[in-house]
Amino acid sequence: MDKGLNSLNLDALDEFFDAEIIDHSLPPDWPHGIAALKQIMSTGYEVLPDLHYTIEDIIVADDKVVVRFTRRGTHRAEFMGVAPSGREVTWTGIDIFRIADGKIVEHWGNFDQLSMMQQLGAVPS
């Protein structure tokens, strides 16, 4: 995890993700693939430059890996119309990855977006 996500080294993700990864958590009209994933993550690191992922649990079954995580970071850039607040935000979620030939080829994810947006001040508590 530290090699790619927590070190902000997006190029290290090539080792783990297939170039044509399909992310089922994105809107249907969004692009897929490793380039799109890196762009999304890059935007996340602009908004929360100290973004840190903590893995709480990992479950492996056949070709699937389930990860329960906590993410936290400090809001330092505009996000969805919300000016930088300097607030530390923390949220939890679950990712499911399908592995083929040693790389992640599909992703499904769900996270506590409401809590994150409340902490940013984008929606009332």
N, C-alpha and C. Protein backbone atom coordinates (compact mmCIF):
# COMPACT_ATOMS: atom_id res chain seq x y z
N MET A 1 0.82 -1.19 0.00
CA MET A 1 0.00 0.00 0.00
C MET A 1 0.87 1.25 0.00
N ASP A 2 1.88 1.29 0.87
CA ASP A 2 2.73 2.48 0.95
C ASP A 2 3.46 2.74 -0.36
N LYS A 3 3.80 1.68 -1.09
CA LYS A 3 4.57 1.83 -2.32
C LYS A 3 3.87 2.71 -3.34
N GLY A 4 2.56 2.68 -3.39
CA GLY A 4 1.83 3.46 -4.38
C GLY A 4 0.96 4.53 -3.76
N LEU A 5 -0.02 4.11 -2.97
CA LEU A 5 -1.04 5.04 -2.50
C LEU A 5 -0.53 6.01 -1.45
N ASN A 6 0.17 5.55 -0.44
CA ASN A 6 0.59 6.44 0.63
C ASN A 6 1.87 7.19 0.33
N SER A 7 2.58 6.79 -0.71
CA SER A 7 3.80 7.52 -1.07
C SER A 7 3.55 8.53 -2.17
N LEU A 8 2.32 8.59 -2.66
CA LEU A 8 1.92 9.47 -3.77
C LEU A 8 2.66 9.14 -5.06
N ASN A 9 3.17 7.93 -5.17
CA ASN A 9 3.88 7.48 -6.38
C ASN A 9 2.89 6.74 -7.26
N LEU A 10 2.17 7.48 -8.09
CA LEU A 10 1.13 6.88 -8.91
C LEU A 10 1.69 5.92 -9.95
N ASP A 11 2.94 6.12 -10.38
CA ASP A 11 3.53 5.19 -11.35
C ASP A 11 3.70 3.79 -10.76
N ALA A 12 3.83 3.69 -9.44
CA ALA A 12 3.96 2.38 -8.80
C ALA A 12 2.68 1.56 -8.96
N LEU A 13 1.56 2.21 -9.27
CA LEU A 13 0.29 1.50 -9.43
C LEU A 13 0.32 0.56 -10.64
N ASP A 14 1.21 0.84 -11.61
CA ASP A 14 1.32 -0.03 -12.79
C ASP A 14 1.66 -1.47 -12.39
N GLU A 15 2.33 -1.62 -11.27
CA GLU A 15 2.71 -2.95 -10.80
C GLU A 15 1.49 -3.75 -10.33
N PHE A 16 0.44 -3.06 -9.87
CA PHE A 16 -0.70 -3.71 -9.24
C PHE A 16 -1.96 -3.73 -10.10
N PHE A 17 -2.14 -2.72 -10.95
CA PHE A 17 -3.37 -2.58 -11.73
C PHE A 17 -3.12 -2.87 -13.20
N ASP A 18 -4.05 -3.59 -13.82
CA ASP A 18 -4.01 -3.85 -15.25
C ASP A 18 -4.23 -2.54 -16.00
N ALA A 19 -3.60 -2.40 -17.14
CA ALA A 19 -3.72 -1.17 -17.93
C ALA A 19 -5.17 -0.87 -18.32
N GLU A 20 -5.98 -1.91 -18.45
CA GLU A 20 -7.38 -1.74 -18.88
C GLU A 20 -8.37 -1.97 -17.74
N ILE A 21 -7.96 -1.71 -16.50
CA ILE A 21 -8.84 -1.94 -15.36
C ILE A 21 -10.21 -1.30 -15.58
N ILE A 22 -11.24 -2.03 -15.19
CA ILE A 22 -12.61 -1.52 -15.25
C ILE A 22 -13.03 -1.20 -13.83
N ASP A 23 -13.43 0.04 -13.62
CA ASP A 23 -13.84 0.49 -12.28
C ASP A 23 -15.35 0.65 -12.28
N HIS A 24 -16.04 -0.29 -11.66
CA HIS A 24 -17.50 -0.29 -11.63
C HIS A 24 -18.07 0.76 -10.70
N SER A 25 -17.23 1.43 -9.91
CA SER A 25 -17.74 2.48 -9.03
C SER A 25 -17.81 3.84 -9.71
N LEU A 26 -17.33 3.93 -10.94
CA LEU A 26 -17.38 5.19 -11.68
C LEU A 26 -18.68 5.30 -12.46
N PRO A 27 -19.11 6.52 -12.77
CA PRO A 27 -20.27 6.67 -13.65
C PRO A 27 -20.00 5.97 -14.99
N PRO A 28 -21.04 5.45 -15.63
CA PRO A 28 -20.85 4.66 -16.85
C PRO A 28 -20.15 5.40 -17.99
N ASP A 29 -20.30 6.71 -18.05
CA ASP A 29 -19.71 7.47 -19.17
C ASP A 29 -18.27 7.93 -18.88
N TRP A 30 -17.72 7.60 -17.73
CA TRP A 30 -16.34 7.98 -17.41
C TRP A 30 -15.37 7.00 -18.04
N PRO A 31 -14.17 7.46 -18.35
CA PRO A 31 -13.16 6.54 -18.90
C PRO A 31 -12.66 5.56 -17.85
N HIS A 32 -12.19 4.42 -18.32
CA HIS A 32 -11.61 3.40 -17.45
C HIS A 32 -10.14 3.25 -17.81
N GLY A 33 -9.46 2.33 -17.16
CA GLY A 33 -8.05 2.08 -17.44
C GLY A 33 -7.17 2.76 -16.41
N ILE A 34 -5.90 2.37 -16.42
CA ILE A 34 -4.95 2.86 -15.43
C ILE A 34 -4.74 4.37 -15.55
N ALA A 35 -4.78 4.92 -16.76
CA ALA A 35 -4.59 6.37 -16.92
C ALA A 35 -5.72 7.14 -16.23
N ALA A 36 -6.96 6.66 -16.38
CA ALA A 36 -8.09 7.32 -15.73
C ALA A 36 -7.99 7.20 -14.21
N LEU A 37 -7.59 6.01 -13.73
CA LEU A 37 -7.41 5.80 -12.29
C LEU A 37 -6.37 6.77 -11.73
N LYS A 38 -5.26 6.90 -12.43
CA LYS A 38 -4.21 7.82 -11.96
C LYS A 38 -4.69 9.27 -11.95
N GLN A 39 -5.50 9.65 -12.93
CA GLN A 39 -6.01 11.02 -12.98
C GLN A 39 -6.94 11.29 -11.79
N ILE A 40 -7.82 10.34 -11.50
CA ILE A 40 -8.74 10.48 -10.37
C ILE A 40 -7.94 10.58 -9.06
N MET A 41 -6.96 9.71 -8.92
CA MET A 41 -6.16 9.71 -7.69
C MET A 41 -5.32 10.98 -7.58
N SER A 42 -4.82 11.47 -8.70
CA SER A 42 -4.04 12.70 -8.70
C SER A 42 -4.89 13.87 -8.19
N THR A 43 -6.14 13.93 -8.66
CA THR A 43 -7.06 14.97 -8.20
C THR A 43 -7.29 14.84 -6.69
N GLY A 44 -7.44 13.61 -6.22
CA GLY A 44 -7.62 13.39 -4.79
C GLY A 44 -6.44 13.90 -3.98
N TYR A 45 -5.22 13.68 -4.50
CA TYR A 45 -4.02 14.14 -3.79
C TYR A 45 -3.85 15.65 -3.87
N GLU A 46 -4.43 16.29 -4.88
CA GLU A 46 -4.41 17.76 -4.93
C GLU A 46 -5.31 18.32 -3.83
N VAL A 47 -6.48 17.71 -3.66
CA VAL A 47 -7.45 18.17 -2.66
C VAL A 47 -6.97 17.84 -1.25
N LEU A 48 -6.44 16.63 -1.07
CA LEU A 48 -5.98 16.15 0.23
C LEU A 48 -4.53 15.69 0.09
N PRO A 49 -3.57 16.62 0.06
CA PRO A 49 -2.18 16.25 -0.26
C PRO A 49 -1.53 15.29 0.73
N ASP A 50 -2.07 15.20 1.93
CA ASP A 50 -1.52 14.26 2.91
C ASP A 50 -2.42 13.02 3.05
N LEU A 51 -3.19 12.72 2.02
CA LEU A 51 -4.12 11.59 2.03
C LEU A 51 -3.40 10.31 2.44
N HIS A 52 -3.98 9.61 3.39
CA HIS A 52 -3.37 8.38 3.89
C HIS A 52 -4.42 7.28 3.97
N TYR A 53 -4.07 6.12 3.45
CA TYR A 53 -4.94 4.95 3.47
C TYR A 53 -4.46 4.01 4.57
N THR A 54 -5.40 3.51 5.36
CA THR A 54 -5.11 2.49 6.34
C THR A 54 -6.00 1.29 6.04
N ILE A 55 -5.39 0.14 5.86
CA ILE A 55 -6.16 -1.07 5.64
C ILE A 55 -6.57 -1.62 7.00
N GLU A 56 -7.87 -1.81 7.17
CA GLU A 56 -8.41 -2.33 8.42
C GLU A 56 -8.57 -3.85 8.35
N ASP A 57 -9.02 -4.36 7.20
CA ASP A 57 -9.22 -5.79 7.01
C ASP A 57 -8.97 -6.14 5.55
N ILE A 58 -8.51 -7.35 5.31
CA ILE A 58 -8.39 -7.90 3.96
C ILE A 58 -8.97 -9.31 3.99
N ILE A 59 -9.84 -9.58 3.02
CA ILE A 59 -10.43 -10.91 2.87
C ILE A 59 -10.16 -11.35 1.44
N VAL A 60 -9.62 -12.56 1.29
CA VAL A 60 -9.31 -13.10 -0.04
C VAL A 60 -10.15 -14.34 -0.27
N ALA A 61 -10.81 -14.40 -1.43
CA ALA A 61 -11.60 -15.57 -1.81
C ALA A 61 -11.52 -15.73 -3.32
N ASP A 62 -10.94 -16.85 -3.74
CA ASP A 62 -10.78 -17.14 -5.17
C ASP A 62 -10.02 -16.00 -5.84
N ASP A 63 -10.64 -15.34 -6.82
CA ASP A 63 -9.96 -14.28 -7.56
C ASP A 63 -10.34 -12.88 -7.05
N LYS A 64 -10.96 -12.80 -5.87
CA LYS A 64 -11.40 -11.52 -5.32
C LYS A 64 -10.66 -11.19 -4.03
N VAL A 65 -10.40 -9.89 -3.85
CA VAL A 65 -9.82 -9.37 -2.61
C VAL A 65 -10.73 -8.25 -2.13
N VAL A 66 -11.14 -8.34 -0.88
CA VAL A 66 -11.99 -7.31 -0.27
C VAL A 66 -11.15 -6.58 0.77
N VAL A 67 -11.16 -5.25 0.69
CA VAL A 67 -10.38 -4.42 1.60
C VAL A 67 -11.31 -3.43 2.29
N ARG A 68 -11.32 -3.47 3.62
CA ARG A 68 -12.02 -2.45 4.40
C ARG A 68 -10.96 -1.45 4.83
N PHE A 69 -11.22 -0.17 4.59
CA PHE A 69 -10.18 0.84 4.79
C PHE A 69 -10.70 2.05 5.53
N THR A 70 -9.74 2.84 6.02
CA THR A 70 -9.99 4.19 6.53
C THR A 70 -9.07 5.11 5.75
N ARG A 71 -9.60 6.23 5.30
CA ARG A 71 -8.79 7.25 4.62
C ARG A 71 -8.91 8.54 5.42
N ARG A 72 -7.81 9.29 5.42
CA ARG A 72 -7.85 10.59 6.09
C ARG A 72 -6.90 11.54 5.38
N GLY A 73 -7.23 12.80 5.46
CA GLY A 73 -6.37 13.81 4.86
C GLY A 73 -6.88 15.20 5.21
N THR A 74 -6.08 16.20 4.86
CA THR A 74 -6.39 17.58 5.17
C THR A 74 -6.82 18.29 3.90
N HIS A 75 -7.99 18.93 3.95
CA HIS A 75 -8.61 19.60 2.80
C HIS A 75 -7.84 20.88 2.45
N ARG A 76 -7.04 20.81 1.35
CA ARG A 76 -6.15 21.93 1.00
C ARG A 76 -6.46 22.57 -0.36
N ALA A 77 -7.43 22.04 -1.12
CA ALA A 77 -7.77 22.63 -2.42
C ALA A 77 -9.27 22.51 -2.64
N GLU A 78 -9.81 23.31 -3.54
CA GLU A 78 -11.24 23.28 -3.82
C GLU A 78 -11.67 21.88 -4.26
N PHE A 79 -12.83 21.48 -3.77
CA PHE A 79 -13.39 20.17 -4.15
C PHE A 79 -14.89 20.32 -4.30
N MET A 80 -15.38 20.06 -5.49
CA MET A 80 -16.81 20.12 -5.79
C MET A 80 -17.41 21.45 -5.33
N GLY A 81 -16.70 22.53 -5.59
CA GLY A 81 -17.18 23.86 -5.24
C GLY A 81 -16.94 24.28 -3.80
N VAL A 82 -16.32 23.42 -3.00
CA VAL A 82 -16.05 23.75 -1.60
C VAL A 82 -14.62 24.26 -1.49
N ALA A 83 -14.48 25.49 -0.99
CA ALA A 83 -13.16 26.09 -0.83
C ALA A 83 -12.34 25.31 0.20
N PRO A 84 -11.01 25.34 0.08
CA PRO A 84 -10.17 24.64 1.05
C PRO A 84 -10.48 25.10 2.47
N SER A 85 -10.64 24.13 3.35
CA SER A 85 -11.05 24.46 4.72
C SER A 85 -9.93 24.23 5.74
N GLY A 86 -8.91 23.46 5.36
CA GLY A 86 -7.88 23.11 6.32
C GLY A 86 -8.32 22.04 7.31
N ARG A 87 -9.55 21.55 7.16
CA ARG A 87 -10.07 20.52 8.06
C ARG A 87 -9.47 19.16 7.73
N GLU A 88 -9.22 18.37 8.77
CA GLU A 88 -8.87 16.97 8.55
C GLU A 88 -10.17 16.19 8.41
N VAL A 89 -10.26 15.39 7.37
CA VAL A 89 -11.44 14.56 7.14
C VAL A 89 -11.03 13.10 7.21
N THR A 90 -11.94 12.28 7.70
CA THR A 90 -11.71 10.84 7.84
C THR A 90 -12.97 10.13 7.39
N TRP A 91 -12.81 9.09 6.58
CA TRP A 91 -13.96 8.30 6.16
C TRP A 91 -13.54 6.85 5.95
N THR A 92 -14.53 5.99 5.91
CA THR A 92 -14.28 4.56 5.76
C THR A 92 -14.95 4.05 4.49
N GLY A 93 -14.55 2.87 4.07
CA GLY A 93 -15.16 2.27 2.90
C GLY A 93 -14.68 0.85 2.68
N ILE A 94 -15.20 0.26 1.62
CA ILE A 94 -14.85 -1.10 1.25
C ILE A 94 -14.60 -1.14 -0.25
N ASP A 95 -13.49 -1.77 -0.63
CA ASP A 95 -13.16 -2.01 -2.04
C ASP A 95 -13.16 -3.50 -2.30
N ILE A 96 -13.62 -3.88 -3.47
CA ILE A 96 -13.53 -5.27 -3.93
C ILE A 96 -12.73 -5.24 -5.23
N PHE A 97 -11.70 -6.06 -5.30
CA PHE A 97 -10.85 -6.14 -6.48
C PHE A 97 -10.91 -7.55 -7.05
N ARG A 98 -10.98 -7.65 -8.39
CA ARG A 98 -10.84 -8.95 -9.04
C ARG A 98 -9.44 -9.00 -9.65
N ILE A 99 -8.75 -10.10 -9.38
CA ILE A 99 -7.37 -10.27 -9.80
C ILE A 99 -7.32 -11.28 -10.95
N ALA A 100 -6.53 -10.98 -11.97
CA ALA A 100 -6.25 -11.93 -13.06
C ALA A 100 -4.81 -11.72 -13.48
N ASP A 101 -4.10 -12.81 -13.65
CA ASP A 101 -2.69 -12.75 -14.05
C ASP A 101 -1.87 -11.84 -13.15
N GLY A 102 -2.20 -11.84 -11.86
CA GLY A 102 -1.41 -11.10 -10.88
C GLY A 102 -1.69 -9.61 -10.80
N LYS A 103 -2.71 -9.13 -11.52
CA LYS A 103 -3.03 -7.70 -11.47
C LYS A 103 -4.52 -7.48 -11.24
N ILE A 104 -4.85 -6.31 -10.72
CA ILE A 104 -6.24 -5.94 -10.50
C ILE A 104 -6.85 -5.56 -11.85
N VAL A 105 -7.92 -6.27 -12.23
CA VAL A 105 -8.56 -6.03 -13.53
C VAL A 105 -9.95 -5.39 -13.39
N GLU A 106 -10.55 -5.53 -12.18
CA GLU A 106 -11.85 -4.91 -11.93
C GLU A 106 -11.89 -4.40 -10.50
N HIS A 107 -12.67 -3.34 -10.31
CA HIS A 107 -12.81 -2.73 -8.98
C HIS A 107 -14.27 -2.33 -8.77
N TRP A 108 -14.76 -2.61 -7.56
CA TRP A 108 -16.03 -2.11 -7.08
C TRP A 108 -15.72 -1.45 -5.75
N GLY A 109 -16.27 -0.29 -5.51
CA GLY A 109 -15.97 0.39 -4.25
C GLY A 109 -17.16 1.14 -3.71
N ASN A 110 -17.17 1.29 -2.40
CA ASN A 110 -18.21 2.03 -1.72
C ASN A 110 -17.58 2.68 -0.50
N PHE A 111 -17.83 3.98 -0.31
CA PHE A 111 -17.28 4.66 0.86
C PHE A 111 -18.31 5.62 1.42
N ASP A 112 -18.07 6.06 2.62
CA ASP A 112 -18.99 6.94 3.33
C ASP A 112 -18.85 8.37 2.80
N GLN A 113 -19.41 8.56 1.62
CA GLN A 113 -19.30 9.86 0.95
C GLN A 113 -20.04 10.96 1.72
N LEU A 114 -21.17 10.62 2.32
CA LEU A 114 -21.93 11.62 3.07
C LEU A 114 -21.09 12.17 4.23
N SER A 115 -20.47 11.30 4.99
CA SER A 115 -19.64 11.75 6.10
C SER A 115 -18.49 12.63 5.61
N MET A 116 -17.85 12.21 4.51
CA MET A 116 -16.74 13.00 3.97
C MET A 116 -17.23 14.40 3.57
N MET A 117 -18.35 14.47 2.87
CA MET A 117 -18.87 15.76 2.41
C MET A 117 -19.33 16.63 3.58
N GLN A 118 -19.87 16.01 4.64
CA GLN A 118 -20.24 16.77 5.83
C GLN A 118 -19.00 17.36 6.50
N GLN A 119 -17.94 16.58 6.60
CA GLN A 119 -16.71 17.06 7.23
C GLN A 119 -16.08 18.20 6.41
N LEU A 120 -16.22 18.14 5.08
CA LEU A 120 -15.71 19.22 4.23
C LEU A 120 -16.56 20.47 4.30
N GLY A 121 -17.79 20.34 4.81
CA GLY A 121 -18.69 21.47 4.88
C GLY A 121 -19.54 21.63 3.63
N ALA A 122 -19.56 20.62 2.76
CA ALA A 122 -20.32 20.68 1.51
C ALA A 122 -21.80 20.42 1.73
N VAL A 123 -22.13 19.65 2.77
CA VAL A 123 -23.53 19.39 3.12
C VAL A 123 -23.67 19.54 4.63
N PRO A 124 -24.84 19.94 5.10
CA PRO A 124 -25.01 20.10 6.55
C PRO A 124 -24.96 18.76 7.28
N SER A 125 -24.52 18.83 8.53
CA SER A 125 -24.46 17.61 9.37
C SER A 125 -25.85 17.24 9.84
